[in-house]
Amino acid sequence: MLRVDNVFHRYNLASGYFSSSLKHVYAVNGVSLSISPGEIYGLVGESGSGKTTLASMLVGLVPVDIGTIVLENGKGRQWSPYVSKEKKEYRQQVRYVFQDPATSLNSRLSVRTILYDSIRYTSRWEGKNKANKEIASLFDLLTLEESFLERSPIALSGGQRKRISLARALLTRPKLIICDEIASSLDSTIRKQILEIILTLRKTYGISILFIGHDLSNVLYVADRIGVMYRGVLVEEGSAEQISFNHRHQYTRRLYESVPKMLKSPKVVPIDTTQFDPTEDMAAYEQALESGTREEKRVDFGNGHTISHRYNSAY
């Protein structure tokens, strides 16, 4: 359904009028992935690995320097967040639940107004009565009280705000929801409730979900397939079972070692960061722009389980 082909995004290493424009860091460095209908795809990695930048690229908030992002409906129709005529439909089909609902929900508006505004200018808008019925159904599913509709977001707890953000995303009946760190900064009981809600949403609506997190245990709990990011590179990809019990990349092993009360992997060799520098000069970047592609070597273990050769001295 969603196809991401070899995408890149770079940031300047320095800013200002007199700064050099020849050095950059790639926040997203040649990432390719796909998400099938009804699938929960987990994207995991430490802070600064490029997860949120990639998610922002998927909804058009951050430009794609190289590569393509396409949403397909299975009937031969495609949308892209970077084609002006397709943006509105694409953004109705792909919804983003931001990492910090305290800043993504307008504190000057009531929750009801925020939810109205999320669908008022889409094809789903059929008046307030219809919207109220949709909202009531979602609130019941998300275990939210109807009285929250008249409150400001700042009067709600962190877990409640995250569920309000989910309701806002679901009102357009999207094909894909991007949940960015939705289980972070919550106590254990609320976090478990949020993870269960994610699974319920997939079962109830059949939607696809991109679940982003830095806690591997949370991602393993909900995801069907998992991609592991490190320094902008998708270093390993496979099913949740493969990543859990047969992980091959050194960085994935280190993530796995950090999860408490799980089977331990063999002793981990330090990650080799000398082979690949995340910064590159302008000449190499311009050459990549001209060629339109920068394919990387990947090791395939079968059944969709692959790892990158980058930052992995064993391959």
C-alpha atoms as a PDB file:
ATOM      1  CA  MET A   1       0.000   0.000   0.000  1.00  0.00           C
ATOM      2  CA  LEU A   2       2.684   2.525   1.020  1.00  0.00           C
ATOM      3  CA  ARG A   3       5.940   2.235  -0.883  1.00  0.00           C
ATOM      4  CA  VAL A   4       9.102   4.137   0.027  1.00  0.00           C
ATOM      5  CA  ASP A   5      11.942   3.781  -2.477  1.00  0.00           C
ATOM      6  CA  ASN A   6      15.513   4.802  -1.642  1.00  0.00           C
ATOM      7  CA  VAL A   7      14.740   8.143   0.044  1.00  0.00           C
ATOM      8  CA  PHE A   8      17.293  10.644   1.350  1.00  0.00           C
ATOM      9  CA  HIS A   9      17.139  13.825   3.360  1.00  0.00           C
ATOM     10  CA  ARG A  10      20.126  15.893   4.442  1.00  0.00           C
ATOM     11  CA  TYR A  11      20.723  18.734   6.866  1.00  0.00           C
ATOM     12  CA  ASN A  12      23.555  21.259   6.813  1.00  0.00           C
ATOM     13  CA  LEU A  13      26.140  20.697   9.530  1.00  0.00           C
ATOM     14  CA  ALA A  14      26.398  24.447  10.112  1.00  0.00           C
ATOM     15  CA  SER A  15      24.052  27.395   9.667  1.00  0.00           C
ATOM     16  CA  GLY A  16      24.546  31.087   9.065  1.00  0.00           C
ATOM     17  CA  TYR A  17      25.630  33.309   6.187  1.00  0.00           C
ATOM     18  CA  PHE A  18      29.329  32.420   6.412  1.00  0.00           C
ATOM     19  CA  SER A  19      28.870  28.703   7.078  1.00  0.00           C
ATOM     20  CA  SER A  20      30.136  26.121   4.623  1.00  0.00           C
ATOM     21  CA  SER A  21      27.554  24.478   2.361  1.00  0.00           C
ATOM     22  CA  LEU A  22      29.821  21.552   1.467  1.00  0.00           C
ATOM     23  CA  LYS A  23      29.240  19.369   4.526  1.00  0.00           C
ATOM     24  CA  HIS A  24      25.958  17.716   5.409  1.00  0.00           C
ATOM     25  CA  VAL A  25      24.583  14.971   7.569  1.00  0.00           C
ATOM     26  CA  TYR A  26      22.036  12.539   6.149  1.00  0.00           C
ATOM     27  CA  ALA A  27      19.183  12.176   8.617  1.00  0.00           C
ATOM     28  CA  VAL A  28      17.615   9.655   6.223  1.00  0.00           C
ATOM     29  CA  ASN A  29      20.143   7.785   4.124  1.00  0.00           C
ATOM     30  CA  GLY A  30      18.777   5.551   1.368  1.00  0.00           C
ATOM     31  CA  VAL A  31      15.775   4.061   3.186  1.00  0.00           C
ATOM     32  CA  SER A  32      13.400   1.721   1.337  1.00  0.00           C
ATOM     33  CA  LEU A  33      10.400   0.021   2.903  1.00  0.00           C
ATOM     34  CA  SER A  34       6.792  -0.929   2.226  1.00  0.00           C
ATOM     35  CA  ILE A  35       3.708  -1.241   4.421  1.00  0.00           C
ATOM     36  CA  SER A  36       0.902  -3.601   3.400  1.00  0.00           C
ATOM     37  CA  PRO A  37      -2.838  -3.092   4.028  1.00  0.00           C
ATOM     38  CA  GLY A  38      -3.749  -3.932   7.618  1.00  0.00           C
ATOM     39  CA  GLU A  39      -0.114  -4.284   8.689  1.00  0.00           C
ATOM     40  CA  ILE A  40       1.547  -2.765  11.745  1.00  0.00           C
ATOM     41  CA  TYR A  41       5.098  -1.841  10.789  1.00  0.00           C
ATOM     42  CA  GLY A  42       7.394  -0.990  13.685  1.00  0.00           C
ATOM     43  CA  LEU A  43      10.228   1.485  13.206  1.00  0.00           C
ATOM     44  CA  VAL A  44      12.704   1.420  16.062  1.00  0.00           C
ATOM     45  CA  GLY A  45      15.991   3.128  16.826  1.00  0.00           C
ATOM     46  CA  GLU A  46      17.678   5.438  19.292  1.00  0.00           C
ATOM     47  CA  SER A  47      16.991   9.179  19.446  1.00  0.00           C
ATOM     48  CA  GLY A  48      18.542  10.898  16.436  1.00  0.00           C
ATOM     49  CA  SER A  49      18.450   7.817  14.215  1.00  0.00           C
ATOM     50  CA  GLY A  50      16.141   9.472  11.652  1.00  0.00           C
ATOM     51  CA  LYS A  51      12.777   7.924  12.538  1.00  0.00           C
ATOM     52  CA  THR A  52      10.814  11.164  12.931  1.00  0.00           C
ATOM     53  CA  THR A  53      12.483  12.747   9.887  1.00  0.00           C
ATOM     54  CA  LEU A  54      11.403   9.756   7.797  1.00  0.00           C
ATOM     55  CA  ALA A  55       7.861   9.963   9.206  1.00  0.00           C
ATOM     56  CA  SER A  56       7.750  13.693   8.406  1.00  0.00           C
ATOM     57  CA  MET A  57       8.805  12.889   4.843  1.00  0.00           C
ATOM     58  CA  LEU A  58       5.909  10.436   4.557  1.00  0.00           C
ATOM     59  CA  VAL A  59       3.387  13.243   5.111  1.00  0.00           C
ATOM     60  CA  GLY A  60       5.223  15.952   3.174  1.00  0.00           C
ATOM     61  CA  LEU A  61       6.437  17.979   6.168  1.00  0.00           C
ATOM     62  CA  VAL A  62      10.078  17.407   5.215  1.00  0.00           C
ATOM     63  CA  PRO A  63      11.179  17.334   1.545  1.00  0.00           C
ATOM     64  CA  VAL A  64      12.608  14.261  -0.159  1.00  0.00           C
ATOM     65  CA  ASP A  65      16.023  15.052  -1.656  1.00  0.00           C
ATOM     66  CA  ILE A  66      16.210  11.775  -3.572  1.00  0.00           C
ATOM     67  CA  GLY A  67      13.730   8.907  -3.892  1.00  0.00           C
ATOM     68  CA  THR A  68       9.963   8.419  -4.106  1.00  0.00           C
ATOM     69  CA  ILE A  69       7.044   7.933  -1.715  1.00  0.00           C
ATOM     70  CA  VAL A  70       3.795   6.526  -3.135  1.00  0.00           C
ATOM     71  CA  LEU A  71       0.494   5.448  -1.572  1.00  0.00           C
ATOM     72  CA  GLU A  72      -1.504   2.929  -3.602  1.00  0.00           C
ATOM     73  CA  ASN A  73      -5.176   2.019  -3.192  1.00  0.00           C
ATOM     74  CA  GLY A  74      -4.921  -1.437  -4.798  1.00  0.00           C
ATOM     75  CA  LYS A  75      -7.052  -0.356  -7.763  1.00  0.00           C
ATOM     76  CA  GLY A  76      -4.353   1.242  -9.851  1.00  0.00           C
ATOM     77  CA  ARG A  77      -4.590   4.692  -8.265  1.00  0.00           C
ATOM     78  CA  GLN A  78      -1.614   6.341  -6.581  1.00  0.00           C
ATOM     79  CA  TRP A  79      -1.030   9.441  -4.462  1.00  0.00           C
ATOM     80  CA  SER A  80       2.133  11.243  -3.420  1.00  0.00           C
ATOM     81  CA  PRO A  81       2.584  13.874  -0.684  1.00  0.00           C
ATOM     82  CA  TYR A  82       4.811  15.872  -3.060  1.00  0.00           C
ATOM     83  CA  VAL A  83       2.471  16.214  -6.051  1.00  0.00           C
ATOM     84  CA  SER A  84       0.367  19.346  -5.541  1.00  0.00           C
ATOM     85  CA  LYS A  85      -2.844  17.901  -7.041  1.00  0.00           C
ATOM     86  CA  GLU A  86      -2.599  14.799  -4.855  1.00  0.00           C
ATOM     87  CA  LYS A  87      -1.619  16.342  -1.506  1.00  0.00           C
ATOM     88  CA  LYS A  88      -5.133  16.823  -0.133  1.00  0.00           C
ATOM     89  CA  GLU A  89      -6.261  13.270  -0.839  1.00  0.00           C
ATOM     90  CA  TYR A  90      -2.957  11.808   0.352  1.00  0.00           C
ATOM     91  CA  ARG A  91      -3.114  13.664   3.678  1.00  0.00           C
ATOM     92  CA  GLN A  92      -6.650  12.426   4.206  1.00  0.00           C
ATOM     93  CA  GLN A  93      -5.458   8.856   3.677  1.00  0.00           C
ATOM     94  CA  VAL A  94      -2.217   9.141   5.704  1.00  0.00           C
ATOM     95  CA  ARG A  95      -2.570  10.700   9.161  1.00  0.00           C
ATOM     96  CA  TYR A  96       0.134  11.635  11.638  1.00  0.00           C
ATOM     97  CA  VAL A  97      -0.147  11.289  15.421  1.00  0.00           C
ATOM     98  CA  PHE A  98       2.622  13.569  16.652  1.00  0.00           C
ATOM     99  CA  GLN A  99       5.058  12.699  19.397  1.00  0.00           C
ATOM    100  CA  ASP A 100       4.031  15.543  21.727  1.00  0.00           C
ATOM    101  CA  PRO A 101       0.242  16.122  21.811  1.00  0.00           C
ATOM    102  CA  ALA A 102       0.725  19.012  24.233  1.00  0.00           C
ATOM    103  CA  THR A 103       2.105  21.073  21.331  1.00  0.00           C
ATOM    104  CA  SER A 104       0.233  19.474  18.400  1.00  0.00           C
ATOM    105  CA  LEU A 105      -3.209  20.118  19.981  1.00  0.00           C
ATOM    106  CA  ASN A 106      -4.180  23.794  20.116  1.00  0.00           C
ATOM    107  CA  SER A 107      -4.647  24.663  23.791  1.00  0.00           C
ATOM    108  CA  ARG A 108      -6.845  27.669  22.898  1.00  0.00           C
ATOM    109  CA  LEU A 109      -9.528  25.445  21.364  1.00  0.00           C
ATOM    110  CA  SER A 110     -11.848  22.899  22.898  1.00  0.00           C
ATOM    111  CA  VAL A 111     -11.343  19.246  22.040  1.00  0.00           C
ATOM    112  CA  ARG A 112     -14.641  19.286  20.104  1.00  0.00           C
ATOM    113  CA  THR A 113     -13.472  22.173  17.894  1.00  0.00           C
ATOM    114  CA  ILE A 114     -10.138  20.468  17.274  1.00  0.00           C
ATOM    115  CA  LEU A 115     -11.903  17.310  16.139  1.00  0.00           C
ATOM    116  CA  TYR A 116     -14.349  19.237  13.944  1.00  0.00           C
ATOM    117  CA  ASP A 117     -11.495  21.083  12.251  1.00  0.00           C
ATOM    118  CA  SER A 118      -9.711  17.823  11.445  1.00  0.00           C
ATOM    119  CA  ILE A 119     -12.474  16.781   9.017  1.00  0.00           C
ATOM    120  CA  ARG A 120     -14.283  20.041   8.176  1.00  0.00           C
ATOM    121  CA  TYR A 121     -12.382  20.516   4.918  1.00  0.00           C
ATOM    122  CA  THR A 122     -12.287  16.887   3.814  1.00  0.00           C
ATOM    123  CA  SER A 123     -14.695  14.683   1.887  1.00  0.00           C
ATOM    124  CA  ARG A 124     -15.724  13.085   5.188  1.00  0.00           C
ATOM    125  CA  TRP A 125     -17.479  16.224   6.449  1.00  0.00           C
ATOM    126  CA  GLU A 126     -21.279  15.787   6.451  1.00  0.00           C
ATOM    127  CA  GLY A 127     -22.209  18.274   9.161  1.00  0.00           C
ATOM    128  CA  LYS A 128     -21.914  18.450  12.919  1.00  0.00           C
ATOM    129  CA  ASN A 129     -24.563  15.816  13.670  1.00  0.00           C
ATOM    130  CA  LYS A 130     -22.742  13.175  11.645  1.00  0.00           C
ATOM    131  CA  ALA A 131     -19.411  14.270  13.115  1.00  0.00           C
ATOM    132  CA  ASN A 132     -20.787  13.996  16.660  1.00  0.00           C
ATOM    133  CA  LYS A 133     -21.845  10.401  16.007  1.00  0.00           C
ATOM    134  CA  GLU A 134     -18.402   9.557  14.627  1.00  0.00           C
ATOM    135  CA  ILE A 135     -16.713  11.202  17.608  1.00  0.00           C
ATOM    136  CA  ALA A 136     -18.959   9.377  20.112  1.00  0.00           C
ATOM    137  CA  SER A 137     -18.099   6.040  18.480  1.00  0.00           C
ATOM    138  CA  LEU A 138     -14.372   6.787  18.583  1.00  0.00           C
ATOM    139  CA  PHE A 139     -14.501   7.985  22.185  1.00  0.00           C
ATOM    140  CA  ASP A 140     -16.146   4.730  23.181  1.00  0.00           C
ATOM    141  CA  LEU A 141     -13.447   2.738  21.390  1.00  0.00           C
ATOM    142  CA  LEU A 142     -10.644   4.850  22.883  1.00  0.00           C
ATOM    143  CA  THR A 143     -12.177   4.804  26.399  1.00  0.00           C
ATOM    144  CA  LEU A 144     -12.547   8.591  26.556  1.00  0.00           C
ATOM    145  CA  GLU A 145     -15.277  10.433  28.420  1.00  0.00           C
ATOM    146  CA  GLU A 146     -17.712  12.605  26.433  1.00  0.00           C
ATOM    147  CA  SER A 147     -17.146  15.456  28.910  1.00  0.00           C
ATOM    148  CA  PHE A 148     -13.588  15.820  27.532  1.00  0.00           C
ATOM    149  CA  LEU A 149     -15.063  17.400  24.372  1.00  0.00           C
ATOM    150  CA  GLU A 150     -15.688  20.702  26.121  1.00  0.00           C
ATOM    151  CA  ARG A 151     -12.264  20.856  27.771  1.00  0.00           C
ATOM    152  CA  SER A 152      -9.007  22.339  26.572  1.00  0.00           C
ATOM    153  CA  PRO A 153      -6.212  19.829  25.824  1.00  0.00           C
ATOM    154  CA  ILE A 154      -4.127  21.273  28.663  1.00  0.00           C
ATOM    155  CA  ALA A 155      -6.817  20.114  31.124  1.00  0.00           C
ATOM    156  CA  LEU A 156      -6.213  16.489  30.126  1.00  0.00           C
ATOM    157  CA  SER A 157      -3.498  14.027  31.093  1.00  0.00           C
ATOM    158  CA  GLY A 158      -0.752  12.912  28.717  1.00  0.00           C
ATOM    159  CA  GLY A 159      -2.437   9.596  27.987  1.00  0.00           C
ATOM    160  CA  GLN A 160      -5.787  11.288  27.343  1.00  0.00           C
ATOM    161  CA  ARG A 161      -4.188  13.787  24.957  1.00  0.00           C
ATOM    162  CA  LYS A 162      -2.572  10.968  23.008  1.00  0.00           C
ATOM    163  CA  ARG A 163      -5.941   9.248  22.625  1.00  0.00           C
ATOM    164  CA  ILE A 164      -7.499  12.554  21.508  1.00  0.00           C
ATOM    165  CA  SER A 165      -4.743  12.749  18.869  1.00  0.00           C
ATOM    166  CA  LEU A 166      -5.648   9.235  17.746  1.00  0.00           C
ATOM    167  CA  ALA A 167      -9.327  10.219  17.495  1.00  0.00           C
ATOM    168  CA  ARG A 168      -8.398  13.245  15.376  1.00  0.00           C
ATOM    169  CA  ALA A 169      -6.396  11.043  13.022  1.00  0.00           C
ATOM    170  CA  LEU A 170      -9.115   8.390  12.738  1.00  0.00           C
ATOM    171  CA  LEU A 171     -11.950  10.767  11.859  1.00  0.00           C
ATOM    172  CA  THR A 172     -10.966  10.869   8.176  1.00  0.00           C
ATOM    173  CA  ARG A 173     -10.956   7.038   8.031  1.00  0.00           C
ATOM    174  CA  PRO A 174      -7.354   6.901   6.766  1.00  0.00           C
ATOM    175  CA  LYS A 175      -5.593   3.949   5.196  1.00  0.00           C
ATOM    176  CA  LEU A 176      -2.461   4.544   7.266  1.00  0.00           C
ATOM    177  CA  ILE A 177      -1.759   6.142  10.644  1.00  0.00           C
ATOM    178  CA  ILE A 178       1.750   7.159  11.693  1.00  0.00           C
ATOM    179  CA  CYS A 179       2.132   6.892  15.472  1.00  0.00           C
ATOM    180  CA  ASP A 180       5.303   8.697  16.510  1.00  0.00           C
ATOM    181  CA  GLU A 181       6.435   7.657  20.010  1.00  0.00           C
ATOM    182  CA  ILE A 182       2.822   7.320  21.094  1.00  0.00           C
ATOM    183  CA  ALA A 183       3.765   5.024  23.997  1.00  0.00           C
ATOM    184  CA  SER A 184       6.577   7.194  25.356  1.00  0.00           C
ATOM    185  CA  SER A 185       6.453   9.377  28.493  1.00  0.00           C
ATOM    186  CA  LEU A 186       3.637   7.296  30.008  1.00  0.00           C
ATOM    187  CA  ASP A 187       3.478   5.147  33.101  1.00  0.00           C
ATOM    188  CA  SER A 188       3.384   1.399  32.568  1.00  0.00           C
ATOM    189  CA  THR A 189      -0.388   0.915  32.948  1.00  0.00           C
ATOM    190  CA  ILE A 190      -1.316   3.722  30.538  1.00  0.00           C
ATOM    191  CA  ARG A 191       1.358   2.580  28.096  1.00  0.00           C
ATOM    192  CA  LYS A 192      -0.145  -0.928  28.080  1.00  0.00           C
ATOM    193  CA  GLN A 193      -3.589   0.572  27.405  1.00  0.00           C
ATOM    194  CA  ILE A 194      -2.256   2.574  24.458  1.00  0.00           C
ATOM    195  CA  LEU A 195      -0.577  -0.520  22.968  1.00  0.00           C
ATOM    196  CA  GLU A 196      -3.815  -2.480  23.302  1.00  0.00           C
ATOM    197  CA  ILE A 197      -5.708   0.364  21.608  1.00  0.00           C
ATOM    198  CA  ILE A 198      -3.283   0.202  18.663  1.00  0.00           C
ATOM    199  CA  LEU A 199      -4.042  -3.498  18.207  1.00  0.00           C
ATOM    200  CA  THR A 200      -7.787  -2.852  18.556  1.00  0.00           C
ATOM    201  CA  LEU A 201      -7.708  -0.134  15.897  1.00  0.00           C
ATOM    202  CA  ARG A 202      -6.117  -2.491  13.398  1.00  0.00           C
ATOM    203  CA  LYS A 203      -8.677  -5.185  14.181  1.00  0.00           C
ATOM    204  CA  THR A 204     -11.663  -2.804  14.081  1.00  0.00           C
ATOM    205  CA  TYR A 205     -10.828  -0.673  11.040  1.00  0.00           C
ATOM    206  CA  GLY A 206      -8.305  -2.824   9.173  1.00  0.00           C
ATOM    207  CA  ILE A 207      -5.962   0.141   8.828  1.00  0.00           C
ATOM    208  CA  SER A 208      -2.196   0.065   8.471  1.00  0.00           C
ATOM    209  CA  ILE A 209      -0.080   1.592  11.229  1.00  0.00           C
ATOM    210  CA  LEU A 210       3.502   2.821  11.235  1.00  0.00           C
ATOM    211  CA  PHE A 211       4.471   2.486  14.893  1.00  0.00           C
ATOM    212  CA  ILE A 212       7.605   4.477  15.750  1.00  0.00           C
ATOM    213  CA  GLY A 213       9.470   4.016  19.018  1.00  0.00           C
ATOM    214  CA  HIS A 214      12.873   3.737  20.651  1.00  0.00           C
ATOM    215  CA  ASP A 215      11.756   1.044  23.107  1.00  0.00           C
ATOM    216  CA  LEU A 216      12.132  -2.290  21.315  1.00  0.00           C
ATOM    217  CA  SER A 217       9.840  -4.100  23.783  1.00  0.00           C
ATOM    218  CA  ASN A 218       6.899  -1.822  22.881  1.00  0.00           C
ATOM    219  CA  VAL A 219       7.503  -2.231  19.161  1.00  0.00           C
ATOM    220  CA  LEU A 220       7.814  -6.017  19.435  1.00  0.00           C
ATOM    221  CA  TYR A 221       4.496  -6.123  21.295  1.00  0.00           C
ATOM    222  CA  VAL A 222       2.412  -4.594  18.487  1.00  0.00           C
ATOM    223  CA  ALA A 223       4.326  -4.915  15.202  1.00  0.00           C
ATOM    224  CA  ASP A 224       4.068  -7.538  12.461  1.00  0.00           C
ATOM    225  CA  ARG A 225       7.307  -6.405  10.812  1.00  0.00           C
ATOM    226  CA  ILE A 226      10.079  -4.212  12.189  1.00  0.00           C
ATOM    227  CA  GLY A 227      12.661  -1.924  10.639  1.00  0.00           C
ATOM    228  CA  VAL A 228      15.678  -0.901  12.729  1.00  0.00           C
ATOM    229  CA  MET A 229      17.228   2.516  12.019  1.00  0.00           C
ATOM    230  CA  TYR A 230      20.688   3.722  12.958  1.00  0.00           C
ATOM    231  CA  ARG A 231      22.308   6.957  11.731  1.00  0.00           C
ATOM    232  CA  GLY A 232      19.670   7.385   9.030  1.00  0.00           C
ATOM    233  CA  VAL A 233      20.103   3.864   7.636  1.00  0.00           C
ATOM    234  CA  LEU A 234      17.579   1.015   7.807  1.00  0.00           C
ATOM    235  CA  VAL A 235      20.155  -1.438   9.142  1.00  0.00           C
ATOM    236  CA  GLU A 236      17.828  -4.422   9.595  1.00  0.00           C
ATOM    237  CA  GLU A 237      14.309  -5.372   8.574  1.00  0.00           C
ATOM    238  CA  GLY A 238      12.278  -8.492   9.260  1.00  0.00           C
ATOM    239  CA  SER A 239       9.266  -9.959  10.999  1.00  0.00           C
ATOM    240  CA  ALA A 240       8.839  -9.372  14.720  1.00  0.00           C
ATOM    241  CA  GLU A 241       9.824 -12.997  15.308  1.00  0.00           C
ATOM    242  CA  GLN A 242      12.976 -12.670  13.191  1.00  0.00           C
ATOM    243  CA  ILE A 243      14.042  -9.467  14.908  1.00  0.00           C
ATOM    244  CA  SER A 244      13.313 -10.948  18.329  1.00  0.00           C
ATOM    245  CA  PHE A 245      14.960 -14.362  17.992  1.00  0.00           C
ATOM    246  CA  ASN A 246      17.217 -14.199  14.926  1.00  0.00           C
ATOM    247  CA  HIS A 247      18.539 -10.644  14.762  1.00  0.00           C
ATOM    248  CA  ARG A 248      21.770 -10.349  12.780  1.00  0.00           C
ATOM    249  CA  HIS A 249      22.946  -6.736  12.738  1.00  0.00           C
ATOM    250  CA  GLN A 250      25.236  -5.571  15.536  1.00  0.00           C
ATOM    251  CA  TYR A 251      23.093  -2.532  16.311  1.00  0.00           C
ATOM    252  CA  THR A 252      19.919  -4.638  16.591  1.00  0.00           C
ATOM    253  CA  ARG A 253      21.751  -6.883  19.021  1.00  0.00           C
ATOM    254  CA  ARG A 254      22.629  -3.884  21.156  1.00  0.00           C
ATOM    255  CA  LEU A 255      19.006  -2.733  21.150  1.00  0.00           C
ATOM    256  CA  TYR A 256      17.918  -6.227  22.112  1.00  0.00           C
ATOM    257  CA  GLU A 257      20.439  -6.326  24.930  1.00  0.00           C
ATOM    258  CA  SER A 258      18.888  -3.150  26.349  1.00  0.00           C
ATOM    259  CA  VAL A 259      15.429  -4.753  26.715  1.00  0.00           C
ATOM    260  CA  PRO A 260      14.952  -6.087  30.287  1.00  0.00           C
ATOM    261  CA  LYS A 261      13.819  -9.635  31.006  1.00  0.00           C
ATOM    262  CA  MET A 262      14.401 -10.983  27.533  1.00  0.00           C
ATOM    263  CA  LEU A 263      16.712 -13.695  26.222  1.00  0.00           C
ATOM    264  CA  LYS A 264      20.224 -12.368  25.895  1.00  0.00           C
ATOM    265  CA  SER A 265      22.173 -12.432  22.641  1.00  0.00           C
ATOM    266  CA  PRO A 266      25.825 -13.471  22.356  1.00  0.00           C
ATOM    267  CA  LYS A 267      28.428 -10.902  23.383  1.00  0.00           C
ATOM    268  CA  VAL A 268      28.087  -7.895  21.101  1.00  0.00           C
ATOM    269  CA  VAL A 269      31.022  -6.600  19.084  1.00  0.00           C
ATOM    270  CA  PRO A 270      31.208  -2.763  19.146  1.00  0.00           C
ATOM    271  CA  ILE A 271      29.531  -1.170  16.132  1.00  0.00           C
ATOM    272  CA  ASP A 272      32.007  -0.330  13.390  1.00  0.00           C
ATOM    273  CA  THR A 273      31.369   3.320  12.494  1.00  0.00           C
ATOM    274  CA  THR A 274      34.634   3.850  10.636  1.00  0.00           C
ATOM    275  CA  GLN A 275      33.536   2.330   7.328  1.00  0.00           C
ATOM    276  CA  PHE A 276      30.783   4.868   6.682  1.00  0.00           C
ATOM    277  CA  ASP A 277      30.732   8.521   7.625  1.00  0.00           C
ATOM    278  CA  PRO A 278      27.203  10.008   7.804  1.00  0.00           C
ATOM    279  CA  THR A 279      28.597  13.263   6.404  1.00  0.00           C
ATOM    280  CA  GLU A 280      29.353  13.540   2.712  1.00  0.00           C
ATOM    281  CA  ASP A 281      30.709  16.252   0.433  1.00  0.00           C
ATOM    282  CA  MET A 282      28.666  18.160  -2.138  1.00  0.00           C
ATOM    283  CA  ALA A 283      30.254  16.438  -5.141  1.00  0.00           C
ATOM    284  CA  ALA A 284      29.066  13.015  -4.007  1.00  0.00           C
ATOM    285  CA  TYR A 285      25.597  14.386  -3.337  1.00  0.00           C
ATOM    286  CA  GLU A 286      25.359  16.050  -6.762  1.00  0.00           C
ATOM    287  CA  GLN A 287      26.449  12.809  -8.396  1.00  0.00           C
ATOM    288  CA  ALA A 288      23.661  11.009  -6.546  1.00  0.00           C
ATOM    289  CA  LEU A 289      21.147  13.610  -7.729  1.00  0.00           C
ATOM    290  CA  GLU A 290      22.215  13.097 -11.347  1.00  0.00           C
ATOM    291  CA  SER A 291      21.977   9.318 -11.156  1.00  0.00           C
ATOM    292  CA  GLY A 292      18.667   9.507  -9.277  1.00  0.00           C
ATOM    293  CA  THR A 293      19.518   6.455  -7.212  1.00  0.00           C
ATOM    294  CA  ARG A 294      22.038   5.186  -4.701  1.00  0.00           C
ATOM    295  CA  GLU A 295      21.512   1.504  -4.196  1.00  0.00           C
ATOM    296  CA  GLU A 296      23.207  -0.089  -1.194  1.00  0.00           C
ATOM    297  CA  LYS A 297      24.367  -3.629  -0.606  1.00  0.00           C
ATOM    298  CA  ARG A 298      22.065  -5.631   1.657  1.00  0.00           C
ATOM    299  CA  VAL A 299      22.396  -9.172   2.983  1.00  0.00           C
ATOM    300  CA  ASP A 300      19.216 -11.225   2.480  1.00  0.00           C
ATOM    301  CA  PHE A 301      18.459 -14.047   4.923  1.00  0.00           C
ATOM    302  CA  GLY A 302      15.160 -14.963   3.258  1.00  0.00           C
ATOM    303  CA  ASN A 303      11.498 -14.410   4.145  1.00  0.00           C
ATOM    304  CA  GLY A 304      11.910 -10.630   4.042  1.00  0.00           C
ATOM    305  CA  HIS A 305      14.754 -10.584   6.598  1.00  0.00           C
ATOM    306  CA  THR A 306      17.549  -8.273   5.396  1.00  0.00           C
ATOM    307  CA  ILE A 307      20.359  -6.270   6.941  1.00  0.00           C
ATOM    308  CA  SER A 308      22.498  -3.401   5.711  1.00  0.00           C
ATOM    309  CA  HIS A 309      26.254  -3.794   5.327  1.00  0.00           C
ATOM    310  CA  ARG A 310      26.695  -0.370   6.926  1.00  0.00           C
ATOM    311  CA  TYR A 311      27.925  -0.127  10.525  1.00  0.00           C
ATOM    312  CA  ASN A 312      28.277  -3.921  10.580  1.00  0.00           C
ATOM    313  CA  SER A 313      31.840  -5.217  10.335  1.00  0.00           C
ATOM    314  CA  ALA A 314      30.704  -8.841  10.007  1.00  0.00           C
ATOM    315  CA  TYR A 315      29.532  -8.281   6.421  1.00  0.00           C
END
